[in-house]
Amino acid sequence: MATHSPQDLDLLLSKLSGDDTFRASFLNDPQLALGTLGIKLDADKIPALRSLPAKDVFIASRHAIKGKLENAAGAIPFFLSGQR
């Protein structure tokens, strides 16, 4: 299983929330669309029937994930300080 950075996820959610051409490409050929972002996907992981949520769902998800990542990053100095 490949791992991807938070930046990869942010870029994907950005494209899915605002780029109509990318959304159409993603629905038509997810493997190719993700490949343009440098993300690899095994063909056997792609469902035959595909649909996408509305753009605003991706926007909300993107903001929620960013918030969690920012909160987690802010806690790192606290954890590294040895304080409990």
PDB file of N, CA and C in Angstrom:
ATOM      1  N   MET A   1       0.835  -1.175   0.000  1.00  0.00           N
ATOM      2  CA  MET A   1       0.000   0.000   0.000  1.00  0.00           C
ATOM      3  C   MET A   1       0.886   1.248   0.000  1.00  0.00           C
ATOM      4  N   ALA A   2       0.651   2.112  -0.937  1.00  0.00           N
ATOM      5  CA  ALA A   2       1.419   3.339  -1.025  1.00  0.00           C
ATOM      6  C   ALA A   2       0.894   4.352  -0.016  1.00  0.00           C
ATOM      7  N   THR A   3       1.814   5.141   0.496  1.00  0.00           N
ATOM      8  CA  THR A   3       1.400   6.227   1.374  1.00  0.00           C
ATOM      9  C   THR A   3       1.592   7.538   0.634  1.00  0.00           C
ATOM     10  N   HIS A   4       0.773   8.494   0.966  1.00  0.00           N
ATOM     11  CA  HIS A   4       0.845   9.785   0.302  1.00  0.00           C
ATOM     12  C   HIS A   4       0.876  10.881   1.356  1.00  0.00           C
ATOM     13  N   SER A   5       1.457  11.985   0.986  1.00  0.00           N
ATOM     14  CA  SER A   5       1.614  13.094   1.919  1.00  0.00           C
ATOM     15  C   SER A   5       0.305  13.868   2.083  1.00  0.00           C
ATOM     16  N   PRO A   6       0.220  14.646   3.143  1.00  0.00           N
ATOM     17  CA  PRO A   6      -0.938  15.523   3.292  1.00  0.00           C
ATOM     18  C   PRO A   6      -1.088  16.482   2.096  1.00  0.00           C
ATOM     19  N   GLN A   7       0.032  16.848   1.503  1.00  0.00           N
ATOM     20  CA  GLN A   7      -0.013  17.722   0.328  1.00  0.00           C
ATOM     21  C   GLN A   7      -0.664  17.021  -0.857  1.00  0.00           C
ATOM     22  N   ASP A   8      -0.408  15.715  -1.010  1.00  0.00           N
ATOM     23  CA  ASP A   8      -1.065  14.942  -2.078  1.00  0.00           C
ATOM     24  C   ASP A   8      -2.578  14.955  -1.886  1.00  0.00           C
ATOM     25  N   LEU A   9      -2.999  14.716  -0.659  1.00  0.00           N
ATOM     26  CA  LEU A   9      -4.429  14.695  -0.355  1.00  0.00           C
ATOM     27  C   LEU A   9      -5.050  16.073  -0.575  1.00  0.00           C
ATOM     28  N   ASP A  10      -4.351  17.117  -0.148  1.00  0.00           N
ATOM     29  CA  ASP A  10      -4.867  18.470  -0.324  1.00  0.00           C
ATOM     30  C   ASP A  10      -5.010  18.812  -1.802  1.00  0.00           C
ATOM     31  N   LEU A  11      -4.015  18.439  -2.598  1.00  0.00           N
ATOM     32  CA  LEU A  11      -4.080  18.701  -4.033  1.00  0.00           C
ATOM     33  C   LEU A  11      -5.251  17.949  -4.671  1.00  0.00           C
ATOM     34  N   LEU A  12      -5.426  16.686  -4.306  1.00  0.00           N
ATOM     35  CA  LEU A  12      -6.532  15.901  -4.849  1.00  0.00           C
ATOM     36  C   LEU A  12      -7.877  16.513  -4.469  1.00  0.00           C
ATOM     37  N   LEU A  13      -8.042  16.863  -3.207  1.00  0.00           N
ATOM     38  CA  LEU A  13      -9.308  17.462  -2.779  1.00  0.00           C
ATOM     39  C   LEU A  13      -9.535  18.820  -3.433  1.00  0.00           C
ATOM     40  N   SER A  14      -8.463  19.554  -3.646  1.00  0.00           N
ATOM     41  CA  SER A  14      -8.568  20.838  -4.337  1.00  0.00           C
ATOM     42  C   SER A  14      -9.076  20.642  -5.762  1.00  0.00           C
ATOM     43  N   LYS A  15      -8.504  19.674  -6.457  1.00  0.00           N
ATOM     44  CA  LYS A  15      -8.924  19.388  -7.838  1.00  0.00           C
ATOM     45  C   LYS A  15     -10.370  18.894  -7.888  1.00  0.00           C
ATOM     46  N   LEU A  16     -10.727  18.030  -6.956  1.00  0.00           N
ATOM     47  CA  LEU A  16     -12.083  17.482  -6.951  1.00  0.00           C
ATOM     48  C   LEU A  16     -13.136  18.507  -6.515  1.00  0.00           C
ATOM     49  N   SER A  17     -12.695  19.542  -5.829  1.00  0.00           N
ATOM     50  CA  SER A  17     -13.644  20.551  -5.362  1.00  0.00           C
ATOM     51  C   SER A  17     -13.757  21.753  -6.289  1.00  0.00           C
ATOM     52  N   GLY A  18     -12.855  21.855  -7.278  1.00  0.00           N
ATOM     53  CA  GLY A  18     -12.909  23.068  -8.071  1.00  0.00           C
ATOM     54  C   GLY A  18     -12.576  22.966  -9.533  1.00  0.00           C
ATOM     55  N   ASP A  19     -12.141  21.815  -9.985  1.00  0.00           N
ATOM     56  CA  ASP A  19     -11.690  21.685 -11.370  1.00  0.00           C
ATOM     57  C   ASP A  19     -12.618  20.723 -12.118  1.00  0.00           C
ATOM     58  N   ASP A  20     -13.536  21.307 -12.885  1.00  0.00           N
ATOM     59  CA  ASP A  20     -14.524  20.481 -13.593  1.00  0.00           C
ATOM     60  C   ASP A  20     -13.880  19.526 -14.593  1.00  0.00           C
ATOM     61  N   THR A  21     -12.812  19.947 -15.237  1.00  0.00           N
ATOM     62  CA  THR A  21     -12.119  19.081 -16.197  1.00  0.00           C
ATOM     63  C   THR A  21     -11.507  17.883 -15.482  1.00  0.00           C
ATOM     64  N   PHE A  22     -10.875  18.130 -14.327  1.00  0.00           N
ATOM     65  CA  PHE A  22     -10.288  17.035 -13.554  1.00  0.00           C
ATOM     66  C   PHE A  22     -11.370  16.094 -13.043  1.00  0.00           C
ATOM     67  N   ARG A  23     -12.486  16.645 -12.573  1.00  0.00           N
ATOM     68  CA  ARG A  23     -13.580  15.802 -12.076  1.00  0.00           C
ATOM     69  C   ARG A  23     -14.083  14.861 -13.168  1.00  0.00           C
ATOM     70  N   ALA A  24     -14.250  15.400 -14.380  1.00  0.00           N
ATOM     71  CA  ALA A  24     -14.711  14.570 -15.502  1.00  0.00           C
ATOM     72  C   ALA A  24     -13.676  13.502 -15.827  1.00  0.00           C
ATOM     73  N   SER A  25     -12.408  13.886 -15.826  1.00  0.00           N
ATOM     74  CA  SER A  25     -11.335  12.932 -16.095  1.00  0.00           C
ATOM     75  C   SER A  25     -11.279  11.856 -15.023  1.00  0.00           C
ATOM     76  N   PHE A  26     -11.454  12.255 -13.767  1.00  0.00           N
ATOM     77  CA  PHE A  26     -11.427  11.324 -12.648  1.00  0.00           C
ATOM     78  C   PHE A  26     -12.549  10.292 -12.758  1.00  0.00           C
ATOM     79  N   LEU A  27     -13.722  10.741 -13.136  1.00  0.00           N
ATOM     80  CA  LEU A  27     -14.838   9.811 -13.310  1.00  0.00           C
ATOM     81  C   LEU A  27     -14.608   8.866 -14.480  1.00  0.00           C
ATOM     82  N   ASN A  28     -14.055   9.387 -15.546  1.00  0.00           N
ATOM     83  CA  ASN A  28     -13.832   8.586 -16.749  1.00  0.00           C
ATOM     84  C   ASN A  28     -12.694   7.587 -16.568  1.00  0.00           C
ATOM     85  N   ASP A  29     -11.578   8.047 -16.026  1.00  0.00           N
ATOM     86  CA  ASP A  29     -10.393   7.200 -15.871  1.00  0.00           C
ATOM     87  C   ASP A  29      -9.624   7.631 -14.619  1.00  0.00           C
ATOM     88  N   PRO A  30     -10.039   7.146 -13.441  1.00  0.00           N
ATOM     89  CA  PRO A  30      -9.390   7.563 -12.192  1.00  0.00           C
ATOM     90  C   PRO A  30      -7.883   7.321 -12.165  1.00  0.00           C
ATOM     91  N   GLN A  31      -7.458   6.219 -12.719  1.00  0.00           N
ATOM     92  CA  GLN A  31      -6.035   5.888 -12.707  1.00  0.00           C
ATOM     93  C   GLN A  31      -5.232   6.940 -13.477  1.00  0.00           C
ATOM     94  N   LEU A  32      -5.715   7.333 -14.633  1.00  0.00           N
ATOM     95  CA  LEU A  32      -5.033   8.342 -15.436  1.00  0.00           C
ATOM     96  C   LEU A  32      -5.086   9.708 -14.745  1.00  0.00           C
ATOM     97  N   ALA A  33      -6.250  10.079 -14.243  1.00  0.00           N
ATOM     98  CA  ALA A  33      -6.400  11.381 -13.580  1.00  0.00           C
ATOM     99  C   ALA A  33      -5.475  11.490 -12.368  1.00  0.00           C
ATOM    100  N   LEU A  34      -5.435  10.459 -11.544  1.00  0.00           N
ATOM    101  CA  LEU A  34      -4.553  10.479 -10.379  1.00  0.00           C
ATOM    102  C   LEU A  34      -3.086  10.481 -10.799  1.00  0.00           C
ATOM    103  N   GLY A  35      -2.788   9.800 -11.886  1.00  0.00           N
ATOM    104  CA  GLY A  35      -1.425   9.779 -12.400  1.00  0.00           C
ATOM    105  C   GLY A  35      -0.915  11.167 -12.753  1.00  0.00           C
ATOM    106  N   THR A  36      -1.809  12.043 -13.212  1.00  0.00           N
ATOM    107  CA  THR A  36      -1.390  13.409 -13.539  1.00  0.00           C
ATOM    108  C   THR A  36      -0.974  14.179 -12.289  1.00  0.00           C
ATOM    109  N   LEU A  37      -1.385  13.694 -11.125  1.00  0.00           N
ATOM    110  CA  LEU A  37      -1.007  14.313  -9.850  1.00  0.00           C
ATOM    111  C   LEU A  37       0.153  13.575  -9.184  1.00  0.00           C
ATOM    112  N   GLY A  38       0.651  12.534  -9.848  1.00  0.00           N
ATOM    113  CA  GLY A  38       1.740  11.752  -9.274  1.00  0.00           C
ATOM    114  C   GLY A  38       1.271  10.709  -8.275  1.00  0.00           C
ATOM    115  N   ILE A  39      -0.021  10.399  -8.308  1.00  0.00           N
ATOM    116  CA  ILE A  39      -0.592   9.409  -7.395  1.00  0.00           C
ATOM    117  C   ILE A  39      -0.895   8.149  -8.186  1.00  0.00           C
ATOM    118  N   LYS A  40      -0.369   7.026  -7.723  1.00  0.00           N
ATOM    119  CA  LYS A  40      -0.589   5.758  -8.412  1.00  0.00           C
ATOM    120  C   LYS A  40      -1.751   5.012  -7.776  1.00  0.00           C
ATOM    121  N   LEU A  41      -2.541   4.383  -8.640  1.00  0.00           N
ATOM    122  CA  LEU A  41      -3.701   3.612  -8.189  1.00  0.00           C
ATOM    123  C   LEU A  41      -3.751   2.320  -8.993  1.00  0.00           C
ATOM    124  N   ASP A  42      -3.892   1.194  -8.284  1.00  0.00           N
ATOM    125  CA  ASP A  42      -4.025  -0.092  -8.964  1.00  0.00           C
ATOM    126  C   ASP A  42      -5.375  -0.155  -9.660  1.00  0.00           C
ATOM    127  N   ALA A  43      -5.364  -0.605 -10.898  1.00  0.00           N
ATOM    128  CA  ALA A  43      -6.598  -0.690 -11.685  1.00  0.00           C
ATOM    129  C   ALA A  43      -7.640  -1.575 -11.015  1.00  0.00           C
ATOM    130  N   ASP A  44      -7.193  -2.597 -10.292  1.00  0.00           N
ATOM    131  CA  ASP A  44      -8.161  -3.500  -9.656  1.00  0.00           C
ATOM    132  C   ASP A  44      -8.869  -2.865  -8.446  1.00  0.00           C
ATOM    133  N   LYS A  45      -8.451  -1.685  -8.039  1.00  0.00           N
ATOM    134  CA  LYS A  45      -9.089  -0.974  -6.929  1.00  0.00           C
ATOM    135  C   LYS A  45     -10.184  -0.011  -7.403  1.00  0.00           C
ATOM    136  N   ILE A  46     -10.387   0.085  -8.710  1.00  0.00           N
ATOM    137  CA  ILE A  46     -11.341   1.029  -9.278  1.00  0.00           C
ATOM    138  C   ILE A  46     -12.693   0.354  -9.488  1.00  0.00           C
ATOM    139  N   PRO A  47     -13.739   0.885  -8.875  1.00  0.00           N
ATOM    140  CA  PRO A  47     -15.062   0.289  -9.080  1.00  0.00           C
ATOM    141  C   PRO A  47     -15.582   0.563 -10.486  1.00  0.00           C
ATOM    142  N   ALA A  48     -16.386  -0.321 -10.995  1.00  0.00           N
ATOM    143  CA  ALA A  48     -16.949  -0.153 -12.340  1.00  0.00           C
ATOM    144  C   ALA A  48     -17.926   1.022 -12.372  1.00  0.00           C
ATOM    145  N   LEU A  49     -18.747   1.129 -11.345  1.00  0.00           N
ATOM    146  CA  LEU A  49     -19.686   2.244 -11.254  1.00  0.00           C
ATOM    147  C   LEU A  49     -19.076   3.312 -10.355  1.00  0.00           C
ATOM    148  N   ARG A  50     -19.007   4.542 -10.876  1.00  0.00           N
ATOM    149  CA  ARG A  50     -18.379   5.619 -10.120  1.00  0.00           C
ATOM    150  C   ARG A  50     -19.276   6.848 -10.103  1.00  0.00           C
ATOM    151  N   SER A  51     -19.180   7.588  -9.013  1.00  0.00           N
ATOM    152  CA  SER A  51     -19.855   8.872  -8.909  1.00  0.00           C
ATOM    153  C   SER A  51     -19.040   9.735  -7.949  1.00  0.00           C
ATOM    154  N   LEU A  52     -19.269  11.026  -8.013  1.00  0.00           N
ATOM    155  CA  LEU A  52     -18.575  11.950  -7.126  1.00  0.00           C
ATOM    156  C   LEU A  52     -19.584  12.770  -6.331  1.00  0.00           C
ATOM    157  N   PRO A  53     -19.260  13.054  -5.081  1.00  0.00           N
ATOM    158  CA  PRO A  53     -20.106  13.985  -4.329  1.00  0.00           C
ATOM    159  C   PRO A  53     -20.001  15.390  -4.941  1.00  0.00           C
ATOM    160  N   ALA A  54     -20.878  16.261  -4.512  1.00  0.00           N
ATOM    161  CA  ALA A  54     -20.844  17.653  -4.964  1.00  0.00           C
ATOM    162  C   ALA A  54     -19.532  18.313  -4.523  1.00  0.00           C
ATOM    163  N   LYS A  55     -19.173  19.363  -5.237  1.00  0.00           N
ATOM    164  CA  LYS A  55     -17.925  20.064  -4.936  1.00  0.00           C
ATOM    165  C   LYS A  55     -17.875  20.563  -3.492  1.00  0.00           C
ATOM    166  N   ASP A  56     -18.998  21.025  -2.974  1.00  0.00           N
ATOM    167  CA  ASP A  56     -18.992  21.566  -1.614  1.00  0.00           C
ATOM    168  C   ASP A  56     -18.675  20.506  -0.561  1.00  0.00           C
ATOM    169  N   VAL A  57     -18.950  19.256  -0.858  1.00  0.00           N
ATOM    170  CA  VAL A  57     -18.578  18.165   0.056  1.00  0.00           C
ATOM    171  C   VAL A  57     -17.060  18.045   0.115  1.00  0.00           C
ATOM    172  N   PHE A  58     -16.405  18.149  -1.035  1.00  0.00           N
ATOM    173  CA  PHE A  58     -14.945  18.091  -1.064  1.00  0.00           C
ATOM    174  C   PHE A  58     -14.329  19.316  -0.387  1.00  0.00           C
ATOM    175  N   ILE A  59     -14.954  20.473  -0.580  1.00  0.00           N
ATOM    176  CA  ILE A  59     -14.455  21.699   0.063  1.00  0.00           C
ATOM    177  C   ILE A  59     -14.502  21.543   1.582  1.00  0.00           C
ATOM    178  N   ALA A  60     -15.621  21.063   2.095  1.00  0.00           N
ATOM    179  CA  ALA A  60     -15.764  20.872   3.542  1.00  0.00           C
ATOM    180  C   ALA A  60     -14.760  19.844   4.061  1.00  0.00           C
ATOM    181  N   SER A  61     -14.573  18.763   3.324  1.00  0.00           N
ATOM    182  CA  SER A  61     -13.614  17.734   3.740  1.00  0.00           C
ATOM    183  C   SER A  61     -12.197  18.287   3.757  1.00  0.00           C
ATOM    184  N   ARG A  62     -11.877  19.059   2.740  1.00  0.00           N
ATOM    185  CA  ARG A  62     -10.530  19.650   2.644  1.00  0.00           C
ATOM    186  C   ARG A  62     -10.270  20.559   3.843  1.00  0.00           C
ATOM    187  N   HIS A  63     -11.225  21.404   4.188  1.00  0.00           N
ATOM    188  CA  HIS A  63     -11.045  22.306   5.328  1.00  0.00           C
ATOM    189  C   HIS A  63     -10.957  21.535   6.641  1.00  0.00           C
ATOM    190  N   ALA A  64     -11.756  20.504   6.797  1.00  0.00           N
ATOM    191  CA  ALA A  64     -11.725  19.700   8.024  1.00  0.00           C
ATOM    192  C   ALA A  64     -10.382  18.998   8.182  1.00  0.00           C
ATOM    193  N   ILE A  65      -9.876  18.438   7.108  1.00  0.00           N
ATOM    194  CA  ILE A  65      -8.588  17.734   7.171  1.00  0.00           C
ATOM    195  C   ILE A  65      -7.464  18.711   7.449  1.00  0.00           C
ATOM    196  N   LYS A  66      -7.477  19.866   6.783  1.00  0.00           N
ATOM    197  CA  LYS A  66      -6.442  20.876   7.030  1.00  0.00           C
ATOM    198  C   LYS A  66      -6.446  21.298   8.498  1.00  0.00           C
ATOM    199  N   GLY A  67      -7.633  21.498   9.051  1.00  0.00           N
ATOM    200  CA  GLY A  67      -7.727  21.888  10.454  1.00  0.00           C
ATOM    201  C   GLY A  67      -7.128  20.850  11.384  1.00  0.00           C
ATOM    202  N   LYS A  68      -7.404  19.591  11.113  1.00  0.00           N
ATOM    203  CA  LYS A  68      -6.858  18.520  11.948  1.00  0.00           C
ATOM    204  C   LYS A  68      -5.342  18.445  11.824  1.00  0.00           C
ATOM    205  N   LEU A  69      -4.833  18.606  10.609  1.00  0.00           N
ATOM    206  CA  LEU A  69      -3.381  18.562  10.403  1.00  0.00           C
ATOM    207  C   LEU A  69      -2.696  19.729  11.092  1.00  0.00           C
ATOM    208  N   GLU A  70      -3.300  20.906  11.006  1.00  0.00           N
ATOM    209  CA  GLU A  70      -2.718  22.083  11.657  1.00  0.00           C
ATOM    210  C   GLU A  70      -2.736  21.929  13.176  1.00  0.00           C
ATOM    211  N   ASN A  71      -3.807  21.390  13.724  1.00  0.00           N
ATOM    212  CA  ASN A  71      -3.880  21.175  15.171  1.00  0.00           C
ATOM    213  C   ASN A  71      -2.855  20.139  15.611  1.00  0.00           C
ATOM    214  N   ALA A  72      -2.687  19.089  14.827  1.00  0.00           N
ATOM    215  CA  ALA A  72      -1.716  18.050  15.167  1.00  0.00           C
ATOM    216  C   ALA A  72      -0.298  18.601  15.096  1.00  0.00           C
ATOM    217  N   ALA A  73      -0.009  19.409  14.088  1.00  0.00           N
ATOM    218  CA  ALA A  73       1.328  19.985  13.949  1.00  0.00           C
ATOM    219  C   ALA A  73       1.641  20.917  15.105  1.00  0.00           C
ATOM    220  N   GLY A  74       0.634  21.632  15.583  1.00  0.00           N
ATOM    221  CA  GLY A  74       0.837  22.532  16.711  1.00  0.00           C
ATOM    222  C   GLY A  74       1.135  21.807  18.005  1.00  0.00           C
ATOM    223  N   ALA A  75       0.745  20.552  18.118  1.00  0.00           N
ATOM    224  CA  ALA A  75       0.974  19.779  19.335  1.00  0.00           C
ATOM    225  C   ALA A  75       2.368  19.165  19.376  1.00  0.00           C
ATOM    226  N   ILE A  76       3.035  19.077  18.260  1.00  0.00           N
ATOM    227  CA  ILE A  76       4.346  18.417  18.214  1.00  0.00           C
ATOM    228  C   ILE A  76       5.353  19.067  19.153  1.00  0.00           C
ATOM    229  N   PRO A  77       5.520  20.403  19.154  1.00  0.00           N
ATOM    230  CA  PRO A  77       6.490  20.985  20.106  1.00  0.00           C
ATOM    231  C   PRO A  77       6.154  20.651  21.554  1.00  0.00           C
ATOM    232  N   PHE A  78       4.867  20.597  21.886  1.00  0.00           N
ATOM    233  CA  PHE A  78       4.454  20.242  23.242  1.00  0.00           C
ATOM    234  C   PHE A  78       4.909  18.828  23.576  1.00  0.00           C
ATOM    235  N   PHE A  79       4.671  17.892  22.680  1.00  0.00           N
ATOM    236  CA  PHE A  79       5.060  16.506  22.930  1.00  0.00           C
ATOM    237  C   PHE A  79       6.574  16.351  22.990  1.00  0.00           C
ATOM    238  N   LEU A  80       7.285  17.097  22.166  1.00  0.00           N
ATOM    239  CA  LEU A  80       8.745  17.007  22.145  1.00  0.00           C
ATOM    240  C   LEU A  80       9.370  17.635  23.390  1.00  0.00           C
ATOM    241  N   SER A  81       8.653  18.540  24.043  1.00  0.00           N
ATOM    242  CA  SER A  81       9.202  19.210  25.224  1.00  0.00           C
ATOM    243  C   SER A  81       9.247  18.288  26.434  1.00  0.00           C
ATOM    244  N   GLY A  82       8.507  17.195  26.384  1.00  0.00           N
ATOM    245  CA  GLY A  82       8.472  16.263  27.501  1.00  0.00           C
ATOM    246  C   GLY A  82       7.463  16.633  28.564  1.00  0.00           C
ATOM    247  N   GLN A  83       6.706  17.715  28.329  1.00  0.00           N
ATOM    248  CA  GLN A  83       5.686  18.118  29.298  1.00  0.00           C
ATOM    249  C   GLN A  83       4.473  17.212  29.179  1.00  0.00           C
ATOM    250  N   ARG A  84       3.837  16.966  30.294  1.00  0.00           N
ATOM    251  CA  ARG A  84       2.629  16.138  30.284  1.00  0.00           C
ATOM    252  C   ARG A  84       1.578  16.757  31.133  1.00  0.00           C
TER     253      ARG A  84
END
